[in-house]
Protein backbone atom coordinates (compact mmCIF):
# COMPACT_ATOMS: atom_id res chain seq x y z
CA MET A 1 4.99 21.04 13.27
CA GLU A 2 5.49 22.98 10.07
CA ASN A 3 6.47 19.86 8.14
CA ILE A 4 3.03 18.30 8.42
CA ARG A 5 1.26 18.43 5.08
CA PRO A 6 -2.50 18.04 5.04
CA PHE A 7 -4.25 15.80 2.60
CA PRO A 8 -5.41 17.87 -0.42
CA THR A 9 -8.90 19.26 -0.23
CA ILE A 10 -11.75 17.55 -2.09
CA GLN A 11 -12.78 19.58 -5.11
CA SER A 12 -16.22 18.19 -5.78
CA PHE A 13 -18.72 15.42 -5.08
CA GLY A 14 -17.48 13.77 -8.29
CA ASP A 15 -14.06 13.18 -6.65
CA VAL A 16 -15.73 11.36 -3.79
CA PHE A 17 -17.89 9.37 -6.15
CA PHE A 18 -14.88 8.44 -8.28
CA ALA A 19 -12.86 7.36 -5.21
CA PHE A 20 -15.85 5.40 -3.80
CA PHE A 21 -16.10 3.27 -6.93
CA ARG A 22 -12.32 2.76 -7.10
CA ALA A 23 -12.39 1.52 -3.51
CA ALA A 24 -15.42 -0.64 -4.14
CA LEU A 25 -13.65 -2.20 -7.11
CA GLY A 26 -10.62 -2.98 -4.95
CA LEU A 27 -12.78 -4.40 -2.19
CA LEU A 28 -14.67 -6.53 -4.68
CA LEU A 29 -11.36 -8.01 -5.86
CA LEU A 30 -10.30 -8.56 -2.26
CA PHE A 31 -13.51 -10.33 -1.27
CA ARG A 32 -13.39 -12.48 -4.43
CA ASP A 33 -9.84 -13.43 -3.53
CA ILE A 34 -10.79 -14.34 0.01
CA ASP A 35 -13.43 -16.64 -1.47
CA PHE A 36 -10.69 -18.22 -3.61
CA ILE A 37 -8.33 -18.57 -0.66
CA PHE A 38 -10.86 -20.43 1.45
CA ASP A 39 -11.66 -22.78 -1.43
CA MET A 40 -8.43 -23.04 -3.37
CA SER A 41 -9.43 -26.47 -4.74
CA HIS A 42 -12.36 -24.81 -6.59
CA LEU A 43 -9.95 -22.34 -8.27
CA GLU A 44 -7.64 -25.21 -9.17
CA LYS A 45 -10.58 -27.11 -10.73
CA LEU A 46 -11.50 -24.02 -12.76
CA ILE A 47 -7.91 -23.76 -14.03
CA SER A 48 -7.62 -27.43 -14.86
CA SER A 49 -10.99 -27.44 -16.66
CA THR A 50 -9.47 -25.07 -19.25
CA GLY A 51 -7.10 -27.82 -20.30
CA PHE A 52 -4.12 -26.23 -18.53
CA THR A 53 -2.94 -28.99 -16.16
CA TYR A 54 0.64 -27.95 -15.46
CA ASN A 55 1.08 -26.66 -11.87
CA THR A 56 -2.51 -25.56 -11.27
CA GLY A 57 -1.71 -25.06 -7.60
CA VAL A 58 0.99 -22.51 -8.40
CA ILE A 59 -1.22 -20.73 -10.91
CA ALA A 60 -4.05 -20.58 -8.35
CA TYR A 61 -1.65 -19.20 -5.74
CA LEU A 62 -0.39 -16.53 -8.17
CA ILE A 63 -3.94 -15.48 -9.12
CA SER A 64 -4.88 -15.20 -5.43
CA SER A 65 -1.77 -13.21 -4.59
CA ILE A 66 -2.27 -10.76 -7.43
CA HIS A 67 -5.95 -10.27 -6.49
CA LEU A 68 -5.11 -9.77 -2.85
CA PHE A 69 -2.31 -7.28 -3.20
CA GLY A 70 -3.73 -5.64 -6.28
CA GLY A 71 -7.09 -5.18 -4.63
CA ALA A 72 -5.54 -3.61 -1.54
CA LEU A 73 -3.49 -1.22 -3.69
CA ILE A 74 -6.55 -0.22 -5.72
CA VAL A 75 -8.51 0.47 -2.52
CA LEU A 76 -5.72 2.77 -1.29
CA GLY A 77 -5.13 4.30 -4.68
CA LEU A 78 -1.45 3.41 -4.43
CA LEU A 79 0.38 2.26 -7.56
CA THR A 80 -3.12 1.99 -9.02
CA ARG A 81 -2.28 1.66 -12.70
CA ILE A 82 0.34 -1.02 -12.03
CA ALA A 83 -2.08 -3.01 -9.91
CA ILE A 84 -4.78 -2.69 -12.61
CA ILE A 85 -2.38 -3.84 -15.33
CA LEU A 86 -1.66 -6.95 -13.28
CA GLN A 87 -5.40 -7.58 -12.72
CA ILE A 88 -6.62 -7.17 -16.29
CA PRO A 89 -5.26 -10.44 -17.80
CA ILE A 90 -6.74 -12.46 -14.91
CA VAL A 91 -10.15 -10.83 -15.18
CA LEU A 92 -10.12 -11.04 -18.99
CA ALA A 93 -9.40 -14.77 -18.69
CA ALA A 94 -12.32 -15.03 -16.22
CA VAL A 95 -14.67 -13.30 -18.65
CA LEU A 96 -13.58 -15.54 -21.53
CA PHE A 97 -13.79 -18.64 -19.34
CA ASN A 98 -17.33 -17.72 -18.21
CA MET A 99 -18.40 -17.14 -21.82
CA MET A 100 -17.09 -20.50 -23.06
CA SER A 101 -17.62 -22.77 -20.07
CA THR A 102 -20.78 -24.86 -19.77
CA THR A 103 -19.90 -26.55 -16.52
CA TYR A 104 -18.46 -23.80 -14.27
CA GLY A 105 -19.55 -20.58 -15.95
CA SER A 106 -22.79 -18.86 -15.07
CA LEU A 107 -24.51 -15.64 -16.12
CA PRO A 108 -24.03 -13.83 -12.77
CA GLU A 109 -20.31 -14.71 -12.77
CA LEU A 110 -20.03 -13.48 -16.36
CA ILE A 111 -21.75 -10.20 -15.51
CA LEU A 112 -19.61 -9.66 -12.42
CA SER A 113 -16.35 -10.49 -14.31
CA PHE A 114 -17.32 -8.23 -17.24
CA THR A 115 -18.26 -5.34 -14.87
CA ILE A 116 -14.94 -5.68 -13.07
CA LEU A 117 -13.12 -5.73 -16.39
CA VAL A 118 -14.92 -2.57 -17.60
CA LEU A 119 -14.10 -0.77 -14.29
CA LEU A 120 -10.48 -1.87 -14.45
CA VAL A 121 -10.08 -0.46 -17.98
CA PHE A 122 -11.87 2.74 -16.97
CA TYR A 123 -9.59 3.32 -13.98
CA LEU A 124 -6.53 2.37 -16.05
CA VAL A 125 -7.42 5.18 -18.50
CA LYS A 126 -8.66 7.79 -16.02
CA GLY A 127 -6.17 7.09 -13.18
CA PRO A 128 -6.85 6.85 -9.47
CA GLY A 129 -8.46 10.26 -8.98
CA MET A 130 -7.95 13.12 -6.52
CA ILE A 131 -8.60 11.07 -3.44
CA SER A 132 -5.77 8.56 -3.61
CA MET A 133 -2.26 7.95 -2.38
CA ASP A 134 -1.01 8.32 -5.95
CA HIS A 135 -2.35 11.83 -6.10
CA TYR A 136 -0.91 12.68 -2.70
CA ARG A 137 2.50 11.36 -3.75
CA LYS A 138 2.43 13.31 -7.01
CA LEU A 139 1.27 16.47 -5.24
CA TYR A 140 4.04 16.42 -2.63
CA GLN A 141 6.69 14.66 -4.78
CA LEU A 142 7.07 11.70 -2.39
């Protein structure tokens, strides 16, 4: 019984707020990916409309996989910076695509993509916060 280590105590309301938005960001990426998974042909059309026609199915699968696993890791706060580094090129491409596209891009999609990009960069710089698996691992050297 003496080997059980409790989760570190929460220092302030800011820690909870910080973790809430990190989890919301991860969930947003997860839900966006679920939308892509159920309509993979839409994602393939988006990719092929950029002029990239080589293996759009494979690219769509990779994007979905990175969003799915990266979003889950961001929600947990586990390997957060690695997951964010993998997400940033995809979301940056989505922002650029929505800015340049006249057929598939829309203002709400642009705003959502840009907001996600800003939050990803913010959490890349700041880290996962006090309420995360990364902090727990660092605290107990796991």
